[in-house]
Protein backbone atom coordinates (compact mmCIF):
# COMPACT_ATOMS: atom_id res chain seq x y z
CA MET A 1 -1.37 19.02 -13.16
CA LYS A 2 -0.05 16.75 -10.42
CA PRO A 3 -1.53 13.26 -10.02
CA HIS A 4 -3.95 12.94 -7.10
CA SER A 5 -4.45 10.01 -4.75
CA GLY A 6 -6.98 8.35 -7.06
CA ILE A 7 -4.38 8.11 -9.82
CA TRP A 8 -1.70 6.77 -7.49
CA GLY A 9 -4.19 4.28 -6.01
CA ALA A 10 -5.12 2.99 -9.46
CA LEU A 11 -1.44 2.64 -10.32
CA LEU A 12 -0.77 0.76 -7.07
CA SER A 13 -3.65 -1.59 -7.80
CA ALA A 14 -2.43 -2.19 -11.35
CA SER A 15 1.09 -2.83 -10.12
CA ARG A 16 -0.29 -5.53 -7.83
CA THR A 17 -2.17 -7.12 -10.72
CA HIS A 18 0.98 -7.15 -12.86
CA MET A 19 3.42 -7.74 -9.95
CA ASN A 20 5.53 -4.69 -10.71
CA VAL A 21 7.30 -4.05 -7.41
CA ASP A 22 9.11 -0.88 -8.58
CA ILE A 23 5.91 0.86 -9.69
CA ALA A 24 4.17 -0.35 -6.51
CA LYS A 25 6.87 1.25 -4.34
CA LEU A 26 6.66 4.52 -6.27
CA SER A 27 2.88 4.75 -6.14
CA ALA A 28 2.71 3.72 -2.46
CA LYS A 29 5.31 6.39 -1.61
CA HIS A 30 3.20 9.09 -3.25
CA LEU A 31 -0.01 7.82 -1.63
CA ILE A 32 1.62 7.86 1.80
CA GLU A 33 2.76 11.46 1.20
CA LEU A 34 -0.72 12.53 0.06
CA GLU A 35 -2.70 10.63 2.73
CA PRO A 36 -0.35 9.77 5.60
CA GLY A 37 -3.09 8.31 7.83
CA ASP A 38 -4.41 5.86 5.23
CA ALA A 39 -3.30 2.25 5.78
CA THR A 40 -4.18 1.13 2.23
CA PRO A 41 -0.80 1.76 0.55
CA TYR A 42 1.00 0.01 3.41
CA VAL A 43 -1.27 -3.03 3.26
CA VAL A 44 -1.22 -3.36 -0.54
CA LEU A 45 2.56 -2.87 -0.82
CA SER A 46 3.08 -5.32 2.03
CA ASP A 47 0.98 -7.90 0.16
CA ILE A 48 3.01 -7.31 -3.01
CA TYR A 49 6.25 -7.78 -1.07
CA SER A 50 4.90 -10.99 0.42
CA ILE A 51 3.83 -12.42 -2.94
CA ALA A 52 7.20 -11.43 -4.46
CA GLY A 53 9.04 -13.19 -1.63
CA LEU A 54 10.50 -9.95 -0.25
CA LYS A 55 9.92 -10.85 3.39
CA GLU A 56 12.43 -8.35 4.84
CA ASP A 57 10.89 -5.47 2.89
CA GLU A 58 7.45 -6.59 4.05
CA LYS A 59 8.59 -6.67 7.67
CA GLU A 60 10.22 -3.21 7.45
CA LEU A 61 7.10 -1.71 5.87
CA ARG A 62 4.82 -3.12 8.58
CA LEU A 63 7.17 -1.78 11.27
CA MET A 64 7.14 1.66 9.61
CA LYS A 65 3.33 1.60 9.51
CA ASN A 66 3.18 0.71 13.20
CA ARG A 67 5.77 3.37 14.17
CA LYS A 68 3.69 6.02 12.41
CA GLY A 69 0.58 4.82 14.24
CA VAL A 70 -1.31 4.02 11.06
CA THR A 71 -4.02 1.41 11.61
CA LYS A 72 -6.29 -0.45 9.25
CA ASN A 73 -9.95 -0.32 10.15
CA PRO A 74 -11.51 -3.77 9.99
CA GLY A 75 -14.03 -4.24 7.23
CA CYS A 76 -17.48 -5.72 7.53
CA SER A 77 -20.16 -6.98 5.22
CA TRP A 78 -23.93 -7.19 5.49
CA ILE A 79 -24.03 -10.05 2.98
CA THR A 80 -24.94 -13.34 4.63
């Protein structure tokens, strides 16, 4: 059985918690393959790169996201 996007998303989230850049790259790659229009793996991996001080990798990833036309929908909250 192949891992689905939920598994890769959990792994990406855990890699952010534990700052494991290699696992983050692997899980983001699989998420992008499974759901190419979803901005989440780009945003999370970009944040990990930023925290890890990998500014060039962060910049390249954001450019790739923009070239592919992937956009992040703004969130909102009803809590006041």
